[in-house]
C-alpha atoms as a PDB file:
ATOM      1  CA  UNK A   1       1.784  18.108 -16.970  1.00  0.00           C
ATOM      2  CA  UNK A   2       1.349  21.401 -15.100  1.00  0.00           C
ATOM      3  CA  UNK A   3       1.834  19.598 -11.778  1.00  0.00           C
ATOM      4  CA  UNK A   4       4.809  17.462 -12.849  1.00  0.00           C
ATOM      5  CA  UNK A   5       8.097  17.992 -11.009  1.00  0.00           C
ATOM      6  CA  UNK A   6      11.268  15.916 -10.684  1.00  0.00           C
ATOM      7  CA  UNK A   7      13.244  14.474  -7.782  1.00  0.00           C
ATOM      8  CA  UNK A   8      16.489  13.957  -9.659  1.00  0.00           C
ATOM      9  CA  UNK A   9      15.318  11.871 -12.633  1.00  0.00           C
ATOM     10  CA  UNK A  10      12.185  10.601 -10.875  1.00  0.00           C
ATOM     11  CA  UNK A  11       8.897  12.243 -12.000  1.00  0.00           C
ATOM     12  CA  UNK A  12       6.711  13.407  -9.102  1.00  0.00           C
ATOM     13  CA  UNK A  13       3.030  14.343  -8.939  1.00  0.00           C
ATOM     14  CA  UNK A  14       1.197  15.849  -5.935  1.00  0.00           C
ATOM     15  CA  UNK A  15      -1.143  12.826  -5.921  1.00  0.00           C
ATOM     16  CA  UNK A  16      -0.448   9.308  -7.103  1.00  0.00           C
ATOM     17  CA  UNK A  17       2.525   7.718  -8.869  1.00  0.00           C
ATOM     18  CA  UNK A  18       3.867   8.355 -12.352  1.00  0.00           C
ATOM     19  CA  UNK A  19       6.481   6.638 -14.498  1.00  0.00           C
ATOM     20  CA  UNK A  20       7.777   7.655 -17.938  1.00  0.00           C
ATOM     21  CA  UNK A  21       9.817   5.921 -20.636  1.00  0.00           C
ATOM     22  CA  UNK A  22      10.733   6.361 -24.278  1.00  0.00           C
ATOM     23  CA  UNK A  23      12.267   4.039 -26.836  1.00  0.00           C
ATOM     24  CA  UNK A  24      11.738   2.806 -30.352  1.00  0.00           C
ATOM     25  CA  UNK A  25       8.741   4.639 -31.818  1.00  0.00           C
ATOM     26  CA  UNK A  26       7.085   5.484 -28.499  1.00  0.00           C
ATOM     27  CA  UNK A  27       7.000   7.676 -25.436  1.00  0.00           C
ATOM     28  CA  UNK A  28       4.865   6.010 -22.742  1.00  0.00           C
ATOM     29  CA  UNK A  29       3.514   6.882 -19.303  1.00  0.00           C
ATOM     30  CA  UNK A  30       1.980   4.848 -16.476  1.00  0.00           C
ATOM     31  CA  UNK A  31      -0.015   6.310 -13.588  1.00  0.00           C
ATOM     32  CA  UNK A  32      -1.597   4.816 -10.479  1.00  0.00           C
ATOM     33  CA  UNK A  33      -3.460   6.880  -7.876  1.00  0.00           C
ATOM     34  CA  UNK A  34      -2.443   4.728  -4.881  1.00  0.00           C
ATOM     35  CA  UNK A  35       0.562   2.444  -5.397  1.00  0.00           C
ATOM     36  CA  UNK A  36       4.021   2.782  -7.007  1.00  0.00           C
ATOM     37  CA  UNK A  37       4.171   1.980 -10.708  1.00  0.00           C
ATOM     38  CA  UNK A  38       6.967   1.703 -13.285  1.00  0.00           C
ATOM     39  CA  UNK A  39       7.005   1.428 -17.076  1.00  0.00           C
ATOM     40  CA  UNK A  40       9.585   0.666 -19.756  1.00  0.00           C
ATOM     41  CA  UNK A  41       9.435   0.446 -23.549  1.00  0.00           C
ATOM     42  CA  UNK A  42      12.102  -1.540 -25.353  1.00  0.00           C
ATOM     43  CA  UNK A  43      12.885  -1.361 -29.064  1.00  0.00           C
ATOM     44  CA  UNK A  44      14.453  -4.417 -30.780  1.00  0.00           C
ATOM     45  CA  UNK A  45      18.221  -4.146 -30.379  1.00  0.00           C
ATOM     46  CA  UNK A  46      20.981  -6.617 -31.081  1.00  0.00           C
ATOM     47  CA  UNK A  47      23.089  -5.543 -28.105  1.00  0.00           C
ATOM     48  CA  UNK A  48      20.400  -6.798 -25.702  1.00  0.00           C
ATOM     49  CA  UNK A  49      21.600 -10.347 -26.336  1.00  0.00           C
ATOM     50  CA  UNK A  50      25.117  -9.342 -25.288  1.00  0.00           C
ATOM     51  CA  UNK A  51      24.236  -7.407 -22.123  1.00  0.00           C
ATOM     52  CA  UNK A  52      21.267  -9.366 -20.736  1.00  0.00           C
ATOM     53  CA  UNK A  53      23.498 -11.660 -18.652  1.00  0.00           C
ATOM     54  CA  UNK A  54      24.708  -8.628 -16.679  1.00  0.00           C
ATOM     55  CA  UNK A  55      21.249  -7.989 -15.244  1.00  0.00           C
ATOM     56  CA  UNK A  56      19.429 -11.342 -15.412  1.00  0.00           C
ATOM     57  CA  UNK A  57      19.869 -14.818 -13.963  1.00  0.00           C
ATOM     58  CA  UNK A  58      20.211 -17.947 -16.095  1.00  0.00           C
ATOM     59  CA  UNK A  59      16.645 -18.939 -15.165  1.00  0.00           C
ATOM     60  CA  UNK A  60      15.205 -15.581 -16.221  1.00  0.00           C
ATOM     61  CA  UNK A  61      16.998 -15.697 -19.565  1.00  0.00           C
ATOM     62  CA  UNK A  62      15.929 -19.303 -20.160  1.00  0.00           C
ATOM     63  CA  UNK A  63      12.238 -18.769 -19.310  1.00  0.00           C
ATOM     64  CA  UNK A  64      11.512 -15.276 -20.691  1.00  0.00           C
ATOM     65  CA  UNK A  65      12.345 -13.299 -23.793  1.00  0.00           C
ATOM     66  CA  UNK A  66      15.117 -10.712 -23.436  1.00  0.00           C
ATOM     67  CA  UNK A  67      12.963  -7.621 -23.980  1.00  0.00           C
ATOM     68  CA  UNK A  68      10.467  -8.681 -21.294  1.00  0.00           C
ATOM     69  CA  UNK A  69      13.220  -9.442 -18.765  1.00  0.00           C
ATOM     70  CA  UNK A  70      14.971  -6.130 -19.354  1.00  0.00           C
ATOM     71  CA  UNK A  71      11.709  -4.185 -19.401  1.00  0.00           C
ATOM     72  CA  UNK A  72      10.522  -5.830 -16.183  1.00  0.00           C
ATOM     73  CA  UNK A  73      13.804  -5.037 -14.409  1.00  0.00           C
ATOM     74  CA  UNK A  74      13.627  -1.416 -15.563  1.00  0.00           C
ATOM     75  CA  UNK A  75       9.945  -1.058 -14.595  1.00  0.00           C
ATOM     76  CA  UNK A  76      10.439  -2.559 -11.116  1.00  0.00           C
ATOM     77  CA  UNK A  77      13.518  -0.384 -10.570  1.00  0.00           C
ATOM     78  CA  UNK A  78      11.467   2.722 -11.352  1.00  0.00           C
ATOM     79  CA  UNK A  79       8.546   1.638  -9.172  1.00  0.00           C
ATOM     80  CA  UNK A  80      10.743   0.688  -6.208  1.00  0.00           C
ATOM     81  CA  UNK A  81      12.546   4.027  -6.202  1.00  0.00           C
ATOM     82  CA  UNK A  82      15.598   2.558  -4.421  1.00  0.00           C
ATOM     83  CA  UNK A  83      18.859   4.090  -5.576  1.00  0.00           C
ATOM     84  CA  UNK A  84      21.632   1.650  -6.343  1.00  0.00           C
ATOM     85  CA  UNK A  85      19.302  -1.347  -6.664  1.00  0.00           C
ATOM     86  CA  UNK A  86      21.176  -4.312  -8.164  1.00  0.00           C
ATOM     87  CA  UNK A  87      19.052  -5.505 -11.096  1.00  0.00           C
ATOM     88  CA  UNK A  88      20.547  -9.008 -11.138  1.00  0.00           C
ATOM     89  CA  UNK A  89      20.657  -9.724  -7.403  1.00  0.00           C
ATOM     90  CA  UNK A  90      17.735  -7.688  -6.077  1.00  0.00           C
ATOM     91  CA  UNK A  91      15.070  -7.820  -8.811  1.00  0.00           C
ATOM     92  CA  UNK A  92      13.734 -11.313  -9.412  1.00  0.00           C
ATOM     93  CA  UNK A  93      11.440 -11.655 -12.446  1.00  0.00           C
ATOM     94  CA  UNK A  94       9.433 -14.747 -11.493  1.00  0.00           C
ATOM     95  CA  UNK A  95       7.311 -14.827 -14.650  1.00  0.00           C
ATOM     96  CA  UNK A  96       5.820 -12.500 -17.226  1.00  0.00           C
ATOM     97  CA  UNK A  97       3.172 -11.686 -14.559  1.00  0.00           C
ATOM     98  CA  UNK A  98       5.203 -11.236 -11.346  1.00  0.00           C
ATOM     99  CA  UNK A  99       8.493  -9.877 -10.003  1.00  0.00           C
ATOM    100  CA  UNK A 100      10.031  -9.375  -6.562  1.00  0.00           C
ATOM    101  CA  UNK A 101      12.280  -6.637  -5.219  1.00  0.00           C
ATOM    102  CA  UNK A 102      14.248  -8.562  -2.633  1.00  0.00           C
ATOM    103  CA  UNK A 103      15.795  -5.520  -0.928  1.00  0.00           C
ATOM    104  CA  UNK A 104      12.444  -3.881  -0.323  1.00  0.00           C
ATOM    105  CA  UNK A 105      10.663  -7.204   0.163  1.00  0.00           C
ATOM    106  CA  UNK A 106       7.901  -6.071  -2.180  1.00  0.00           C
ATOM    107  CA  UNK A 107       5.979  -7.875  -4.915  1.00  0.00           C
ATOM    108  CA  UNK A 108       5.091  -6.392  -8.297  1.00  0.00           C
ATOM    109  CA  UNK A 109       2.443  -7.409 -10.804  1.00  0.00           C
ATOM    110  CA  UNK A 110       3.735  -7.234 -14.380  1.00  0.00           C
ATOM    111  CA  UNK A 111       1.967  -6.669 -17.663  1.00  0.00           C
ATOM    112  CA  UNK A 112       3.923  -6.999 -20.899  1.00  0.00           C
ATOM    113  CA  UNK A 113       2.541  -6.277 -24.349  1.00  0.00           C
ATOM    114  CA  UNK A 114       3.791  -5.277 -27.825  1.00  0.00           C
ATOM    115  CA  UNK A 115       3.321  -1.834 -29.364  1.00  0.00           C
ATOM    116  CA  UNK A 116       4.273  -2.268 -32.994  1.00  0.00           C
ATOM    117  CA  UNK A 117       7.765  -3.737 -33.025  1.00  0.00           C
ATOM    118  CA  UNK A 118       8.473  -2.536 -29.481  1.00  0.00           C
ATOM    119  CA  UNK A 119       7.786  -4.187 -26.097  1.00  0.00           C
ATOM    120  CA  UNK A 120       6.151  -2.386 -23.169  1.00  0.00           C
ATOM    121  CA  UNK A 121       6.338  -3.673 -19.584  1.00  0.00           C
ATOM    122  CA  UNK A 122       4.409  -2.177 -16.666  1.00  0.00           C
ATOM    123  CA  UNK A 123       5.106  -3.016 -12.992  1.00  0.00           C
ATOM    124  CA  UNK A 124       2.609  -2.225 -10.211  1.00  0.00           C
ATOM    125  CA  UNK A 125       3.437  -2.859  -6.562  1.00  0.00           C
ATOM    126  CA  UNK A 126       1.044  -5.249  -4.814  1.00  0.00           C
ATOM    127  CA  UNK A 127      -0.955  -5.669  -2.703  1.00  0.00           C
ATOM    128  CA  UNK A 128      -2.850  -2.436  -2.196  1.00  0.00           C
ATOM    129  CA  UNK A 129      -2.837  -1.839   1.581  1.00  0.00           C
ATOM    130  CA  UNK A 130      -6.000  -0.211   2.891  1.00  0.00           C
ATOM    131  CA  UNK A 131      -5.705   0.871   6.541  1.00  0.00           C
ATOM    132  CA  UNK A 132      -8.670   1.662   8.793  1.00  0.00           C
ATOM    133  CA  UNK A 133      -7.612   4.274  11.330  1.00  0.00           C
ATOM    134  CA  UNK A 134      -8.991   6.932  13.646  1.00  0.00           C
ATOM    135  CA  UNK A 135     -10.096   7.488  17.262  1.00  0.00           C
ATOM    136  CA  UNK A 136     -11.548   4.899  19.624  1.00  0.00           C
ATOM    137  CA  UNK A 137     -15.042   3.485  19.067  1.00  0.00           C
ATOM    138  CA  UNK A 138     -15.215   4.628  15.444  1.00  0.00           C
ATOM    139  CA  UNK A 139     -16.173   1.268  13.922  1.00  0.00           C
ATOM    140  CA  UNK A 140     -12.756   0.366  12.494  1.00  0.00           C
ATOM    141  CA  UNK A 141     -12.816  -3.348  13.279  1.00  0.00           C
ATOM    142  CA  UNK A 142     -16.315  -3.953  11.978  1.00  0.00           C
ATOM    143  CA  UNK A 143     -15.625  -2.003   8.794  1.00  0.00           C
ATOM    144  CA  UNK A 144     -12.325  -3.835   8.204  1.00  0.00           C
ATOM    145  CA  UNK A 145     -14.114  -7.178   8.384  1.00  0.00           C
ATOM    146  CA  UNK A 146     -16.894  -5.950   6.069  1.00  0.00           C
ATOM    147  CA  UNK A 147     -14.456  -4.692   3.425  1.00  0.00           C
ATOM    148  CA  UNK A 148     -12.406  -7.898   3.560  1.00  0.00           C
ATOM    149  CA  UNK A 149     -15.564  -9.914   2.893  1.00  0.00           C
ATOM    150  CA  UNK A 150     -16.530  -7.577   0.056  1.00  0.00           C
ATOM    151  CA  UNK A 151     -13.152  -8.010  -1.645  1.00  0.00           C
ATOM    152  CA  UNK A 152     -12.745 -11.673  -0.650  1.00  0.00           C
ATOM    153  CA  UNK A 153      -9.400 -11.005   0.966  1.00  0.00           C
ATOM    154  CA  UNK A 154      -7.704 -11.113   4.364  1.00  0.00           C
ATOM    155  CA  UNK A 155      -7.693  -8.422   7.020  1.00  0.00           C
ATOM    156  CA  UNK A 156      -5.250  -7.738   9.847  1.00  0.00           C
ATOM    157  CA  UNK A 157      -6.840  -7.457  13.304  1.00  0.00           C
ATOM    158  CA  UNK A 158      -5.817  -4.915  15.917  1.00  0.00           C
ATOM    159  CA  UNK A 159      -2.948  -6.476  17.866  1.00  0.00           C
ATOM    160  CA  UNK A 160      -3.439  -4.201  20.914  1.00  0.00           C
ATOM    161  CA  UNK A 161      -6.742  -5.871  21.754  1.00  0.00           C
ATOM    162  CA  UNK A 162      -5.147  -9.332  21.724  1.00  0.00           C
ATOM    163  CA  UNK A 163      -2.121  -8.137  23.682  1.00  0.00           C
ATOM    164  CA  UNK A 164      -4.028  -6.291  26.425  1.00  0.00           C
ATOM    165  CA  UNK A 165      -6.588  -9.079  26.764  1.00  0.00           C
ATOM    166  CA  UNK A 166      -3.716 -11.448  27.492  1.00  0.00           C
ATOM    167  CA  UNK A 167      -1.479  -9.181  29.585  1.00  0.00           C
ATOM    168  CA  UNK A 168      -4.008  -6.891  31.263  1.00  0.00           C
ATOM    169  CA  UNK A 169      -4.633  -3.151  31.144  1.00  0.00           C
ATOM    170  CA  UNK A 170      -1.734  -2.200  33.427  1.00  0.00           C
ATOM    171  CA  UNK A 171       0.687  -1.625  30.572  1.00  0.00           C
ATOM    172  CA  UNK A 172       3.952   0.354  30.384  1.00  0.00           C
ATOM    173  CA  UNK A 173       5.574   2.467  27.633  1.00  0.00           C
ATOM    174  CA  UNK A 174       7.592  -0.486  26.392  1.00  0.00           C
ATOM    175  CA  UNK A 175       4.353  -2.443  25.921  1.00  0.00           C
ATOM    176  CA  UNK A 176       3.015   0.182  23.501  1.00  0.00           C
ATOM    177  CA  UNK A 177       6.233  -0.057  21.480  1.00  0.00           C
ATOM    178  CA  UNK A 178       6.085  -3.854  21.504  1.00  0.00           C
ATOM    179  CA  UNK A 179       2.484  -3.784  20.292  1.00  0.00           C
ATOM    180  CA  UNK A 180       3.474  -1.483  17.430  1.00  0.00           C
ATOM    181  CA  UNK A 181       6.164  -3.911  16.290  1.00  0.00           C
ATOM    182  CA  UNK A 182       3.761  -6.844  16.557  1.00  0.00           C
ATOM    183  CA  UNK A 183       1.189  -4.905  14.499  1.00  0.00           C
ATOM    184  CA  UNK A 184       3.827  -4.178  11.858  1.00  0.00           C
ATOM    185  CA  UNK A 185       4.920  -7.828  11.694  1.00  0.00           C
ATOM    186  CA  UNK A 186       1.343  -9.077  11.436  1.00  0.00           C
ATOM    187  CA  UNK A 187       0.546  -6.529   8.730  1.00  0.00           C
ATOM    188  CA  UNK A 188       3.565  -7.493   6.652  1.00  0.00           C
ATOM    189  CA  UNK A 189       2.791 -11.185   7.030  1.00  0.00           C
ATOM    190  CA  UNK A 190      -0.835 -10.880   5.970  1.00  0.00           C
ATOM    191  CA  UNK A 191       0.040  -8.548   3.085  1.00  0.00           C
ATOM    192  CA  UNK A 192       2.488 -11.144   1.753  1.00  0.00           C
ATOM    193  CA  UNK A 193      -0.413 -13.621   1.536  1.00  0.00           C
ATOM    194  CA  UNK A 194      -2.755 -11.343  -0.431  1.00  0.00           C
ATOM    195  CA  UNK A 195      -2.363 -11.049  -4.206  1.00  0.00           C
ATOM    196  CA  UNK A 196      -4.106  -7.725  -4.811  1.00  0.00           C
ATOM    197  CA  UNK A 197      -5.616  -5.997  -1.770  1.00  0.00           C
ATOM    198  CA  UNK A 198      -5.386  -6.313   2.014  1.00  0.00           C
ATOM    199  CA  UNK A 199      -7.367  -4.522   4.725  1.00  0.00           C
ATOM    200  CA  UNK A 200      -5.706  -3.536   8.008  1.00  0.00           C
ATOM    201  CA  UNK A 201      -7.409  -2.617  11.284  1.00  0.00           C
ATOM    202  CA  UNK A 202      -4.972   0.141  12.436  1.00  0.00           C
ATOM    203  CA  UNK A 203      -1.196   0.352  12.019  1.00  0.00           C
ATOM    204  CA  UNK A 204       1.735   2.015  13.778  1.00  0.00           C
ATOM    205  CA  UNK A 205       0.056   5.428  13.537  1.00  0.00           C
ATOM    206  CA  UNK A 206      -2.344   4.366  16.302  1.00  0.00           C
ATOM    207  CA  UNK A 207       0.544   3.443  18.593  1.00  0.00           C
ATOM    208  CA  UNK A 208       2.396   6.655  17.755  1.00  0.00           C
ATOM    209  CA  UNK A 209      -0.550   8.846  18.754  1.00  0.00           C
ATOM    210  CA  UNK A 210      -1.408   6.579  21.694  1.00  0.00           C
ATOM    211  CA  UNK A 211       2.117   6.961  23.098  1.00  0.00           C
ATOM    212  CA  UNK A 212       2.122  10.750  22.700  1.00  0.00           C
ATOM    213  CA  UNK A 213      -1.272  11.084  24.399  1.00  0.00           C
ATOM    214  CA  UNK A 214      -0.531   8.649  27.218  1.00  0.00           C
ATOM    215  CA  UNK A 215       2.997   9.756  28.109  1.00  0.00           C
ATOM    216  CA  UNK A 216       3.216  13.303  26.758  1.00  0.00           C
ATOM    217  CA  UNK A 217       6.339  12.671  24.706  1.00  0.00           C
ATOM    218  CA  UNK A 218       7.592  11.083  21.491  1.00  0.00           C
ATOM    219  CA  UNK A 219       9.166   7.654  21.269  1.00  0.00           C
ATOM    220  CA  UNK A 220      11.965   7.507  18.656  1.00  0.00           C
ATOM    221  CA  UNK A 221      11.154   3.933  17.559  1.00  0.00           C
ATOM    222  CA  UNK A 222       7.506   4.753  16.918  1.00  0.00           C
ATOM    223  CA  UNK A 223       8.318   8.002  15.148  1.00  0.00           C
ATOM    224  CA  UNK A 224      10.836   6.240  12.890  1.00  0.00           C
ATOM    225  CA  UNK A 225       8.526   3.397  11.822  1.00  0.00           C
ATOM    226  CA  UNK A 226       7.122   4.216   8.356  1.00  0.00           C
ATOM    227  CA  UNK A 227       3.417   4.273   7.609  1.00  0.00           C
ATOM    228  CA  UNK A 228       3.031   1.525   4.997  1.00  0.00           C
ATOM    229  CA  UNK A 229      -0.639   1.984   4.072  1.00  0.00           C
ATOM    230  CA  UNK A 230      -1.473   3.083   0.528  1.00  0.00           C
ATOM    231  CA  UNK A 231      -4.958   4.385   1.354  1.00  0.00           C
ATOM    232  CA  UNK A 232      -6.041   5.435   4.850  1.00  0.00           C
ATOM    233  CA  UNK A 233      -9.754   5.339   5.591  1.00  0.00           C
ATOM    234  CA  UNK A 234     -10.025   7.756   8.499  1.00  0.00           C
ATOM    235  CA  UNK A 235     -13.112   6.833  10.516  1.00  0.00           C
ATOM    236  CA  UNK A 236     -15.042   9.819  11.852  1.00  0.00           C
ATOM    237  CA  UNK A 237     -16.139   9.732  15.531  1.00  0.00           C
ATOM    238  CA  UNK A 238     -19.799   9.996  14.565  1.00  0.00           C
ATOM    239  CA  UNK A 239     -20.791   6.653  16.118  1.00  0.00           C
ATOM    240  CA  UNK A 240     -22.113   6.418  19.666  1.00  0.00           C
ATOM    241  CA  UNK A 241     -19.455   5.598  22.258  1.00  0.00           C
ATOM    242  CA  UNK A 242     -19.417   1.907  23.210  1.00  0.00           C
ATOM    243  CA  UNK A 243     -18.092   0.999  26.639  1.00  0.00           C
ATOM    244  CA  UNK A 244     -15.061  -1.261  26.562  1.00  0.00           C
ATOM    245  CA  UNK A 245     -12.485  -1.904  29.307  1.00  0.00           C
ATOM    246  CA  UNK A 246      -9.701  -1.445  26.733  1.00  0.00           C
ATOM    247  CA  UNK A 247     -10.831   2.068  25.708  1.00  0.00           C
ATOM    248  CA  UNK A 248      -9.666   5.165  27.566  1.00  0.00           C
ATOM    249  CA  UNK A 249     -11.184   8.297  25.969  1.00  0.00           C
ATOM    250  CA  UNK A 250     -14.988   8.387  26.104  1.00  0.00           C
ATOM    251  CA  UNK A 251     -15.301  12.198  25.998  1.00  0.00           C
ATOM    252  CA  UNK A 252     -16.630  13.565  22.726  1.00  0.00           C
ATOM    253  CA  UNK A 253     -14.098  16.387  22.832  1.00  0.00           C
ATOM    254  CA  UNK A 254     -11.210  13.898  23.114  1.00  0.00           C
ATOM    255  CA  UNK A 255     -12.516  11.765  20.266  1.00  0.00           C
ATOM    256  CA  UNK A 256     -12.821  14.777  17.975  1.00  0.00           C
ATOM    257  CA  UNK A 257      -9.382  16.036  18.996  1.00  0.00           C
ATOM    258  CA  UNK A 258      -7.890  12.609  18.275  1.00  0.00           C
ATOM    259  CA  UNK A 259      -9.584  12.578  14.880  1.00  0.00           C
ATOM    260  CA  UNK A 260      -7.780  15.824  14.028  1.00  0.00           C
ATOM    261  CA  UNK A 261      -4.489  14.390  15.308  1.00  0.00           C
ATOM    262  CA  UNK A 262      -4.831  11.407  12.975  1.00  0.00           C
ATOM    263  CA  UNK A 263      -5.740  13.645  10.061  1.00  0.00           C
ATOM    264  CA  UNK A 264      -2.823  16.014  10.658  1.00  0.00           C
ATOM    265  CA  UNK A 265      -0.331  13.181  11.046  1.00  0.00           C
ATOM    266  CA  UNK A 266      -1.461  11.511   7.823  1.00  0.00           C
ATOM    267  CA  UNK A 267      -1.250  14.786   5.936  1.00  0.00           C
ATOM    268  CA  UNK A 268       2.222  15.405   7.368  1.00  0.00           C
ATOM    269  CA  UNK A 269       3.299  11.993   6.076  1.00  0.00           C
ATOM    270  CA  UNK A 270       1.715  12.758   2.676  1.00  0.00           C
ATOM    271  CA  UNK A 271      -0.582   9.753   2.808  1.00  0.00           C
ATOM    272  CA  UNK A 272      -3.748   9.393   0.743  1.00  0.00           C
ATOM    273  CA  UNK A 273      -6.699   9.900   3.110  1.00  0.00           C
ATOM    274  CA  UNK A 274     -10.459   9.547   2.820  1.00  0.00           C
ATOM    275  CA  UNK A 275     -12.850  10.224   5.693  1.00  0.00           C
ATOM    276  CA  UNK A 276     -15.452   7.508   6.289  1.00  0.00           C
ATOM    277  CA  UNK A 277     -18.666   8.417   8.094  1.00  0.00           C
ATOM    278  CA  UNK A 278     -22.301   7.352   8.426  1.00  0.00           C
ATOM    279  CA  UNK A 279     -24.429   5.047  10.528  1.00  0.00           C
ATOM    280  CA  UNK A 280     -24.945   1.331   9.894  1.00  0.00           C
ATOM    281  CA  UNK A 281     -24.716   0.250   6.260  1.00  0.00           C
ATOM    282  CA  UNK A 282     -24.068   3.863   5.198  1.00  0.00           C
ATOM    283  CA  UNK A 283     -20.583   3.615   6.706  1.00  0.00           C
ATOM    284  CA  UNK A 284     -19.653   0.629   4.569  1.00  0.00           C
ATOM    285  CA  UNK A 285     -21.178   2.350   1.536  1.00  0.00           C
ATOM    286  CA  UNK A 286     -19.035   5.424   2.240  1.00  0.00           C
ATOM    287  CA  UNK A 287     -15.869   3.287   2.263  1.00  0.00           C
ATOM    288  CA  UNK A 288     -16.851   1.458  -0.931  1.00  0.00           C
ATOM    289  CA  UNK A 289     -17.564   4.732  -2.743  1.00  0.00           C
ATOM    290  CA  UNK A 290     -14.086   5.925  -1.830  1.00  0.00           C
ATOM    291  CA  UNK A 291     -12.466   2.747  -3.142  1.00  0.00           C
ATOM    292  CA  UNK A 292     -14.526   2.860  -6.329  1.00  0.00           C
ATOM    293  CA  UNK A 293     -13.422   6.462  -6.889  1.00  0.00           C
ATOM    294  CA  UNK A 294      -9.845   5.114  -7.052  1.00  0.00           C
ATOM    295  CA  UNK A 295     -10.878   2.339  -9.453  1.00  0.00           C
ATOM    296  CA  UNK A 296     -10.796  -0.376  -6.776  1.00  0.00           C
ATOM    297  CA  UNK A 297     -13.897  -2.525  -7.168  1.00  0.00           C
ATOM    298  CA  UNK A 298     -15.111  -5.724  -5.495  1.00  0.00           C
ATOM    299  CA  UNK A 299     -14.584  -8.803  -7.641  1.00  0.00           C
ATOM    300  CA  UNK A 300     -18.288  -9.394  -8.388  1.00  0.00           C
ATOM    301  CA  UNK A 301     -18.858  -5.819  -9.555  1.00  0.00           C
ATOM    302  CA  UNK A 302     -15.740  -5.818 -11.747  1.00  0.00           C
ATOM    303  CA  UNK A 303     -16.710  -9.102 -13.379  1.00  0.00           C
ATOM    304  CA  UNK A 304     -20.161  -7.720 -13.941  1.00  0.00           C
ATOM    305  CA  UNK A 305     -18.496  -5.041 -16.051  1.00  0.00           C
ATOM    306  CA  UNK A 306     -16.787  -7.744 -18.127  1.00  0.00           C
ATOM    307  CA  UNK A 307     -13.361  -7.380 -16.518  1.00  0.00           C
ATOM    308  CA  UNK A 308     -11.707 -10.352 -14.833  1.00  0.00           C
ATOM    309  CA  UNK A 309      -9.344  -8.174 -12.786  1.00  0.00           C
ATOM    310  CA  UNK A 310     -10.247  -6.725  -9.439  1.00  0.00           C
ATOM    311  CA  UNK A 311      -7.931  -3.725  -9.613  1.00  0.00           C
ATOM    312  CA  UNK A 312      -7.583  -1.441 -12.584  1.00  0.00           C
END
């Protein structure tokens, strides 16, 4: 509570996401360390029957009880944080387990449960997007593949490698921008196919820093593209340099300087960062410890604890 501030009516914490609600006999709170969350508590009220048609479609009203529909709309609205969101047109409650925010193009997992006579609904944005980032030859691709196998999910490869392998190394500024857009599109597409967690080998941050280093200036398109990762695993340059025709900065001083550039840029964008280091299997173990610290566990380990859900 000491750290709680407000942006208008929206509660803000220095780390993670918080949502508050009160109604009936309860005041409730929901918190998630990595992804947006919303919560609503609804007391039984006769007027809900009269007003539900203003915010819900005929299908939603026919398939779900009124308190769950209203609570889900309210919870998604809070999690999305988009002012002026139209509950009826832009929040689609698919079931008691899932909703979509059509304006933001984001999916939310729902959990609805009674507390006494009241109904509580929690919405958590999914999937969790884990981005591997950092300087060249820092083991990002290998680690991305390892984590995807561990969590039995998909991972997004680095588009630049595909692009340069096809078009050659003699690229121009517009090629870097094109690669960034292709990376963004691929990331969004893969994320839409993953129910809970997706792993990404780099994102637009790599292209942003690449452009600045290569051409000594900023590109407005790259600077304007948002960083969509929820957790950034920043790979330390503590691995031996591996020769590759697509890599350009073999000097140890450059690799360390780039590491600091990534770190500073992520901090400037207020992203959640964890540094991953270590040789061989220790590197994967470092990444898994970080995820476990946020309550994100591989499926087998979570089931071993008697929980059928991968993410808490």
